[in-house]
């Protein structure tokens, strides 16, 4: 649910944290279960998730067998790439 907040003539839109967190987790879970992988930048772009590692941790805690592979970007930076083992 979106709530409009007006403050000193400026209007912003705010999403309650729990709704955003729950909807992000559900979308991330569906993405991974479809056989796709996910990096932090993809998590931000696809699901507006600034806390992908936290969502992954929660999904693992709920029993989803997510694996992490560290990959090297063209820039030389190492990032996590999350996926689900295709053998489940």
Protein backbone atom coordinates (compact mmCIF):
# COMPACT_ATOMS: atom_id res chain seq x y z
CA UNK A 1 0.00 0.00 0.00
CA UNK A 2 1.39 3.40 -0.97
CA UNK A 3 0.97 6.39 1.30
CA UNK A 4 1.34 9.98 0.14
CA UNK A 5 3.09 12.19 2.65
CA UNK A 6 3.07 15.97 2.29
CA UNK A 7 5.73 17.98 4.09
CA UNK A 8 6.21 21.74 3.56
CA UNK A 9 4.68 21.67 0.08
CA UNK A 10 6.64 18.62 -1.10
CA UNK A 11 4.84 15.36 -1.76
CA UNK A 12 6.70 12.04 -1.61
CA UNK A 13 5.50 8.48 -1.92
CA UNK A 14 6.50 6.05 0.79
CA UNK A 15 6.04 2.27 0.89
CA UNK A 16 5.78 0.63 4.31
CA UNK A 17 8.94 -1.38 5.03
CA UNK A 18 7.23 -4.69 5.78
CA UNK A 19 5.19 -4.67 2.58
CA UNK A 20 8.23 -3.82 0.49
CA UNK A 21 10.36 -6.46 2.22
CA UNK A 22 7.70 -9.16 1.82
CA UNK A 23 6.98 -8.37 -1.82
CA UNK A 24 10.70 -8.22 -2.61
CA UNK A 25 11.30 -11.59 -0.96
CA UNK A 26 8.44 -13.18 -2.88
CA UNK A 27 9.64 -11.76 -6.21
CA UNK A 28 13.25 -12.78 -5.53
CA UNK A 29 12.13 -16.30 -4.57
CA UNK A 30 10.09 -16.65 -7.78
CA UNK A 31 13.02 -15.35 -9.84
CA UNK A 32 15.43 -17.89 -8.34
CA UNK A 33 12.95 -20.77 -8.55
CA UNK A 34 12.53 -20.05 -12.26
CA UNK A 35 16.18 -21.06 -12.72
CA UNK A 36 17.61 -17.56 -13.01
CA UNK A 37 20.55 -16.19 -11.03
CA UNK A 38 20.74 -12.82 -9.32
CA UNK A 39 23.51 -10.35 -8.47
CA UNK A 40 23.16 -7.36 -6.14
CA UNK A 41 22.91 -4.92 -9.07
CA UNK A 42 20.24 -7.07 -10.72
CA UNK A 43 18.41 -7.21 -7.37
CA UNK A 44 18.40 -3.44 -7.25
CA UNK A 45 17.33 -3.02 -10.87
CA UNK A 46 14.70 -5.75 -10.96
CA UNK A 47 13.24 -5.62 -7.45
CA UNK A 48 14.34 -2.25 -6.05
CA UNK A 49 16.14 -4.17 -3.31
CA UNK A 50 19.04 -2.38 -1.66
CA UNK A 51 19.35 -5.29 0.79
CA UNK A 52 19.54 -8.36 -1.46
CA UNK A 53 21.89 -10.20 0.92
CA UNK A 54 19.32 -9.80 3.71
CA UNK A 55 16.49 -11.08 1.52
CA UNK A 56 18.69 -14.06 0.50
CA UNK A 57 19.46 -14.76 4.17
CA UNK A 58 15.75 -14.74 5.02
CA UNK A 59 14.93 -17.07 2.12
CA UNK A 60 17.68 -19.46 3.22
CA UNK A 61 16.35 -19.34 6.78
CA UNK A 62 12.95 -20.32 5.35
CA UNK A 63 14.56 -23.38 3.72
CA UNK A 64 15.36 -22.28 0.16
CA UNK A 65 18.67 -23.93 -0.91
CA UNK A 66 20.33 -20.83 -2.38
CA UNK A 67 23.97 -21.10 -3.41
CA UNK A 68 26.41 -18.20 -3.64
CA UNK A 69 29.10 -17.93 -6.27
CA UNK A 70 31.58 -15.07 -6.15
CA UNK A 71 32.12 -13.66 -9.63
CA UNK A 72 34.52 -11.05 -11.00
CA UNK A 73 33.04 -8.11 -12.89
CA UNK A 74 34.80 -6.46 -15.84
CA UNK A 75 35.80 -3.69 -13.42
CA UNK A 76 37.69 -6.22 -11.28
CA UNK A 77 35.20 -6.04 -8.44
CA UNK A 78 33.98 -9.33 -6.92
CA UNK A 79 30.26 -9.69 -6.22
CA UNK A 80 27.92 -12.47 -5.12
CA UNK A 81 25.79 -14.29 -7.67
CA UNK A 82 22.86 -16.16 -6.11
CA UNK A 83 21.07 -19.14 -7.63
CA UNK A 84 19.33 -22.35 -6.66
CA UNK A 85 20.97 -25.67 -7.32
CA UNK A 86 19.29 -27.09 -10.40
CA UNK A 87 19.36 -30.59 -8.86
CA UNK A 88 16.59 -29.94 -6.32
